[in-house]
PDB file of N, CA and C in Angstrom:
ATOM      1  N   MET A   1     -19.243 -32.945 -14.860  1.00  0.00           N
ATOM      2  CA  MET A   1     -19.307 -31.248 -15.304  1.00  0.00           C
ATOM      3  C   MET A   1     -19.201 -30.350 -14.214  1.00  0.00           C
ATOM      4  N   ASN A   2     -19.874 -30.555 -13.306  1.00  0.00           N
ATOM      5  CA  ASN A   2     -20.107 -29.738 -12.230  1.00  0.00           C
ATOM      6  C   ASN A   2     -18.751 -29.734 -11.324  1.00  0.00           C
ATOM      7  N   ARG A   3     -18.112 -30.780 -11.076  1.00  0.00           N
ATOM      8  CA  ARG A   3     -16.788 -30.920 -10.576  1.00  0.00           C
ATOM      9  C   ARG A   3     -15.799 -29.977 -11.401  1.00  0.00           C
ATOM     10  N   PHE A   4     -15.792 -30.257 -12.556  1.00  0.00           N
ATOM     11  CA  PHE A   4     -14.811 -29.273 -13.433  1.00  0.00           C
ATOM     12  C   PHE A   4     -14.937 -27.909 -13.480  1.00  0.00           C
ATOM     13  N   LEU A   5     -16.329 -27.414 -13.259  1.00  0.00           N
ATOM     14  CA  LEU A   5     -16.671 -26.094 -13.195  1.00  0.00           C
ATOM     15  C   LEU A   5     -16.287 -25.563 -11.953  1.00  0.00           C
ATOM     16  N   LEU A   6     -16.244 -26.400 -10.698  1.00  0.00           N
ATOM     17  CA  LEU A   6     -15.933 -25.947  -9.635  1.00  0.00           C
ATOM     18  C   LEU A   6     -14.306 -25.628  -9.423  1.00  0.00           C
ATOM     19  N   ILE A   7     -13.812 -26.618 -10.120  1.00  0.00           N
ATOM     20  CA  ILE A   7     -12.090 -26.492 -10.234  1.00  0.00           C
ATOM     21  C   ILE A   7     -11.645 -25.260 -10.987  1.00  0.00           C
ATOM     22  N   VAL A   8     -12.513 -25.204 -12.163  1.00  0.00           N
ATOM     23  CA  VAL A   8     -12.108 -23.806 -12.933  1.00  0.00           C
ATOM     24  C   VAL A   8     -12.308 -22.396 -12.048  1.00  0.00           C
ATOM     25  N   ALA A   9     -13.515 -22.587 -11.554  1.00  0.00           N
ATOM     26  CA  ALA A   9     -13.702 -21.397 -10.387  1.00  0.00           C
ATOM     27  C   ALA A   9     -12.978 -21.229  -9.545  1.00  0.00           C
ATOM     28  N   PHE A  10     -12.391 -22.172  -8.756  1.00  0.00           N
ATOM     29  CA  PHE A  10     -11.319 -22.128  -7.810  1.00  0.00           C
ATOM     30  C   PHE A  10     -10.150 -22.011  -8.308  1.00  0.00           C
ATOM     31  N   LEU A  11      -9.478 -22.153  -9.484  1.00  0.00           N
ATOM     32  CA  LEU A  11      -8.367 -21.437 -10.061  1.00  0.00           C
ATOM     33  C   LEU A  11      -8.359 -20.239 -10.505  1.00  0.00           C
ATOM     34  N   MET A  12      -9.451 -19.738 -10.875  1.00  0.00           N
ATOM     35  CA  MET A  12      -9.742 -18.303 -11.020  1.00  0.00           C
ATOM     36  C   MET A  12      -9.780 -17.770 -10.268  1.00  0.00           C
ATOM     37  N   VAL A  13     -10.266 -18.015  -8.874  1.00  0.00           N
ATOM     38  CA  VAL A  13      -9.749 -17.112  -7.505  1.00  0.00           C
ATOM     39  C   VAL A  13      -8.703 -16.841  -7.318  1.00  0.00           C
ATOM     40  N   PHE A  14      -8.062 -17.842  -7.237  1.00  0.00           N
ATOM     41  CA  PHE A  14      -6.332 -17.578  -7.014  1.00  0.00           C
ATOM     42  C   PHE A  14      -5.335 -16.866  -8.204  1.00  0.00           C
ATOM     43  N   ALA A  15      -6.026 -17.276  -9.315  1.00  0.00           N
ATOM     44  CA  ALA A  15      -5.520 -16.207 -10.411  1.00  0.00           C
ATOM     45  C   ALA A  15      -5.794 -14.965 -10.183  1.00  0.00           C
ATOM     46  N   VAL A  16      -6.878 -14.481  -9.789  1.00  0.00           N
ATOM     47  CA  VAL A  16      -7.270 -13.063  -9.565  1.00  0.00           C
ATOM     48  C   VAL A  16      -6.502 -12.588  -8.408  1.00  0.00           C
ATOM     49  N   ASP A  17      -6.405 -13.239  -7.274  1.00  0.00           N
ATOM     50  CA  ASP A  17      -5.812 -13.057  -5.982  1.00  0.00           C
ATOM     51  C   ASP A  17      -4.248 -12.638  -6.140  1.00  0.00           C
ATOM     52  N   SER A  18      -3.801 -13.333  -7.252  1.00  0.00           N
ATOM     53  CA  SER A  18      -2.308 -13.433  -7.552  1.00  0.00           C
ATOM     54  C   SER A  18      -1.940 -12.035  -8.074  1.00  0.00           C
ATOM     55  N   LEU A  19      -2.804 -11.461  -8.837  1.00  0.00           N
ATOM     56  CA  LEU A  19      -2.752 -10.155  -9.559  1.00  0.00           C
ATOM     57  C   LEU A  19      -3.168  -8.816  -8.928  1.00  0.00           C
ATOM     58  N   ALA A  20      -3.604  -9.021  -7.586  1.00  0.00           N
ATOM     59  CA  ALA A  20      -3.889  -7.846  -6.953  1.00  0.00           C
ATOM     60  C   ALA A  20      -2.796  -6.951  -6.464  1.00  0.00           C
ATOM     61  N   VAL A  21      -3.016  -5.738  -6.294  1.00  0.00           N
ATOM     62  CA  VAL A  21      -2.121  -4.808  -5.975  1.00  0.00           C
ATOM     63  C   VAL A  21      -2.340  -4.703  -4.744  1.00  0.00           C
ATOM     64  N   HIS A  22      -1.392  -4.608  -3.777  1.00  0.00           N
ATOM     65  CA  HIS A  22      -1.205  -4.263  -2.451  1.00  0.00           C
ATOM     66  C   HIS A  22      -0.931  -2.896  -2.310  1.00  0.00           C
ATOM     67  N   VAL A  23      -1.567  -2.038  -1.197  1.00  0.00           N
ATOM     68  CA  VAL A  23      -1.452  -0.918  -0.916  1.00  0.00           C
ATOM     69  C   VAL A  23      -0.812  -0.897   0.477  1.00  0.00           C
ATOM     70  N   ALA A  24       0.403  -0.368   0.890  1.00  0.00           N
ATOM     71  CA  ALA A  24       0.413   0.041   2.368  1.00  0.00           C
ATOM     72  C   ALA A  24       0.123   1.468   2.886  1.00  0.00           C
ATOM     73  N   VAL A  25      -0.279   1.605   4.007  1.00  0.00           N
ATOM     74  CA  VAL A  25      -0.566   3.102   4.382  1.00  0.00           C
ATOM     75  C   VAL A  25       0.415   2.986   5.410  1.00  0.00           C
ATOM     76  N   LEU A  26       1.230   4.343   5.447  1.00  0.00           N
ATOM     77  CA  LEU A  26       2.312   4.641   6.575  1.00  0.00           C
ATOM     78  C   LEU A  26       1.764   5.924   7.170  1.00  0.00           C
ATOM     79  N   GLU A  27       1.482   5.841   8.551  1.00  0.00           N
ATOM     80  CA  GLU A  27       0.818   7.072   9.157  1.00  0.00           C
ATOM     81  C   GLU A  27       2.241   7.652   9.725  1.00  0.00           C
ATOM     82  N   THR A  28       2.356   8.937   9.306  1.00  0.00           N
ATOM     83  CA  THR A  28       3.429   9.507  10.138  1.00  0.00           C
ATOM     84  C   THR A  28       3.140  10.676  11.031  1.00  0.00           C
ATOM     85  N   GLY A  29       3.693  10.857  11.799  1.00  0.00           N
ATOM     86  CA  GLY A  29       3.412  11.897  13.079  1.00  0.00           C
ATOM     87  C   GLY A  29       4.215  12.450  13.808  1.00  0.00           C
ATOM     88  N   ALA A  30       3.985  13.292  14.345  1.00  0.00           N
ATOM     89  CA  ALA A  30       4.958  13.965  15.135  1.00  0.00           C
ATOM     90  C   ALA A  30       4.427  15.018  16.109  1.00  0.00           C
ATOM     91  N   ASP A  31       5.000  15.359  17.125  1.00  0.00           N
ATOM     92  CA  ASP A  31       4.437  16.376  17.974  1.00  0.00           C
ATOM     93  C   ASP A  31       4.493  17.787  17.363  1.00  0.00           C
ATOM     94  N   GLU A  32       3.690  18.881  18.031  1.00  0.00           N
ATOM     95  CA  GLU A  32       3.660  19.783  17.327  1.00  0.00           C
ATOM     96  C   GLU A  32       5.133  20.669  17.548  1.00  0.00           C
ATOM     97  N   SER A  33       5.981  20.467  18.199  1.00  0.00           N
ATOM     98  CA  SER A  33       7.364  21.300  18.434  1.00  0.00           C
ATOM     99  C   SER A  33       8.322  20.714  17.413  1.00  0.00           C
ATOM    100  N   ALA A  34       7.896  19.543  16.803  1.00  0.00           N
ATOM    101  CA  ALA A  34       8.972  18.898  15.552  1.00  0.00           C
ATOM    102  C   ALA A  34       8.728  19.974  14.209  1.00  0.00           C
ATOM    103  N   LYS A  35       7.571  20.533  14.047  1.00  0.00           N
ATOM    104  CA  LYS A  35       7.159  21.196  12.946  1.00  0.00           C
ATOM    105  C   LYS A  35       8.010  22.542  13.044  1.00  0.00           C
ATOM    106  N   ASP A  36       8.479  22.914  14.247  1.00  0.00           N
ATOM    107  CA  ASP A  36       9.263  24.391  14.384  1.00  0.00           C
ATOM    108  C   ASP A  36      10.580  23.993  14.195  1.00  0.00           C
ATOM    109  N   ARG A  37      11.162  22.695  14.252  1.00  0.00           N
ATOM    110  CA  ARG A  37      12.598  22.162  14.304  1.00  0.00           C
ATOM    111  C   ARG A  37      13.006  21.784  12.863  1.00  0.00           C
ATOM    112  N   VAL A  38      11.964  21.308  12.216  1.00  0.00           N
ATOM    113  CA  VAL A  38      12.330  20.602  10.837  1.00  0.00           C
ATOM    114  C   VAL A  38      11.599  21.768   9.799  1.00  0.00           C
ATOM    115  N   SER A  39      12.402  21.917   8.723  1.00  0.00           N
ATOM    116  CA  SER A  39      11.870  23.085   7.690  1.00  0.00           C
ATOM    117  C   SER A  39      10.667  22.278   6.910  1.00  0.00           C
ATOM    118  N   PHE A  40      10.046  23.023   6.380  1.00  0.00           N
ATOM    119  CA  PHE A  40       8.835  22.560   5.331  1.00  0.00           C
ATOM    120  C   PHE A  40       9.248  21.891   4.310  1.00  0.00           C
ATOM    121  N   SER A  41      10.510  22.509   3.830  1.00  0.00           N
ATOM    122  CA  SER A  41      10.834  21.661   2.594  1.00  0.00           C
ATOM    123  C   SER A  41      11.740  20.500   2.904  1.00  0.00           C
ATOM    124  N   ASP A  42      12.240  20.042   4.225  1.00  0.00           N
ATOM    125  CA  ASP A  42      12.606  18.841   4.576  1.00  0.00           C
ATOM    126  C   ASP A  42      11.627  17.950   4.957  1.00  0.00           C
ATOM    127  N   ARG A  43      10.423  18.254   5.141  1.00  0.00           N
ATOM    128  CA  ARG A  43       9.259  17.637   5.459  1.00  0.00           C
ATOM    129  C   ARG A  43       8.464  16.978   4.109  1.00  0.00           C
ATOM    130  N   GLN A  44       8.593  18.100   3.305  1.00  0.00           N
ATOM    131  CA  GLN A  44       8.174  17.888   2.142  1.00  0.00           C
ATOM    132  C   GLN A  44       9.059  16.625   1.491  1.00  0.00           C
ATOM    133  N   TYR A  45      10.160  16.886   1.496  1.00  0.00           N
ATOM    134  CA  TYR A  45      11.146  15.694   1.035  1.00  0.00           C
ATOM    135  C   TYR A  45      10.835  14.649   1.485  1.00  0.00           C
ATOM    136  N   LEU A  46      10.808  14.443   2.848  1.00  0.00           N
ATOM    137  CA  LEU A  46      10.517  13.034   3.596  1.00  0.00           C
ATOM    138  C   LEU A  46       9.308  12.385   2.858  1.00  0.00           C
ATOM    139  N   THR A  47       8.065  13.189   2.919  1.00  0.00           N
ATOM    140  CA  THR A  47       6.968  12.930   2.224  1.00  0.00           C
ATOM    141  C   THR A  47       7.111  12.039   1.082  1.00  0.00           C
ATOM    142  N   ASN A  48       7.647  12.751  -0.063  1.00  0.00           N
ATOM    143  CA  ASN A  48       8.013  12.301  -1.220  1.00  0.00           C
ATOM    144  C   ASN A  48       8.748  11.064  -1.242  1.00  0.00           C
ATOM    145  N   VAL A  49       9.991  10.910  -0.614  1.00  0.00           N
ATOM    146  CA  VAL A  49      10.603   9.601  -0.357  1.00  0.00           C
ATOM    147  C   VAL A  49       9.800   8.366   0.110  1.00  0.00           C
ATOM    148  N   LEU A  50       8.794   8.785   1.067  1.00  0.00           N
ATOM    149  CA  LEU A  50       8.026   7.620   1.568  1.00  0.00           C
ATOM    150  C   LEU A  50       7.073   7.634   0.683  1.00  0.00           C
ATOM    151  N   ARG A  51       6.526   8.354  -0.287  1.00  0.00           N
ATOM    152  CA  ARG A  51       5.437   8.009  -1.484  1.00  0.00           C
ATOM    153  C   ARG A  51       6.035   7.048  -2.483  1.00  0.00           C
ATOM    154  N   GLU A  52       7.764   7.042  -2.527  1.00  0.00           N
ATOM    155  CA  GLU A  52       8.083   6.359  -3.397  1.00  0.00           C
ATOM    156  C   GLU A  52       8.302   4.799  -3.314  1.00  0.00           C
ATOM    157  N   ARG A  53       8.137   4.632  -2.108  1.00  0.00           N
ATOM    158  CA  ARG A  53       8.426   3.067  -1.648  1.00  0.00           C
ATOM    159  C   ARG A  53       7.324   2.363  -1.907  1.00  0.00           C
TER     160      ARG A  53
END
């Protein structure tokens, strides 16, 4: 009986792990002079595109 419970617990761990949601974090950065060359709306658009991925 103990072996059966151990196997069930082991399988449950893998079942829960397969349902996990993974989140990736992408750090974006640029030097200060880039802010002067790229408009705010273009930066905002790029941010929205990156969020969709």
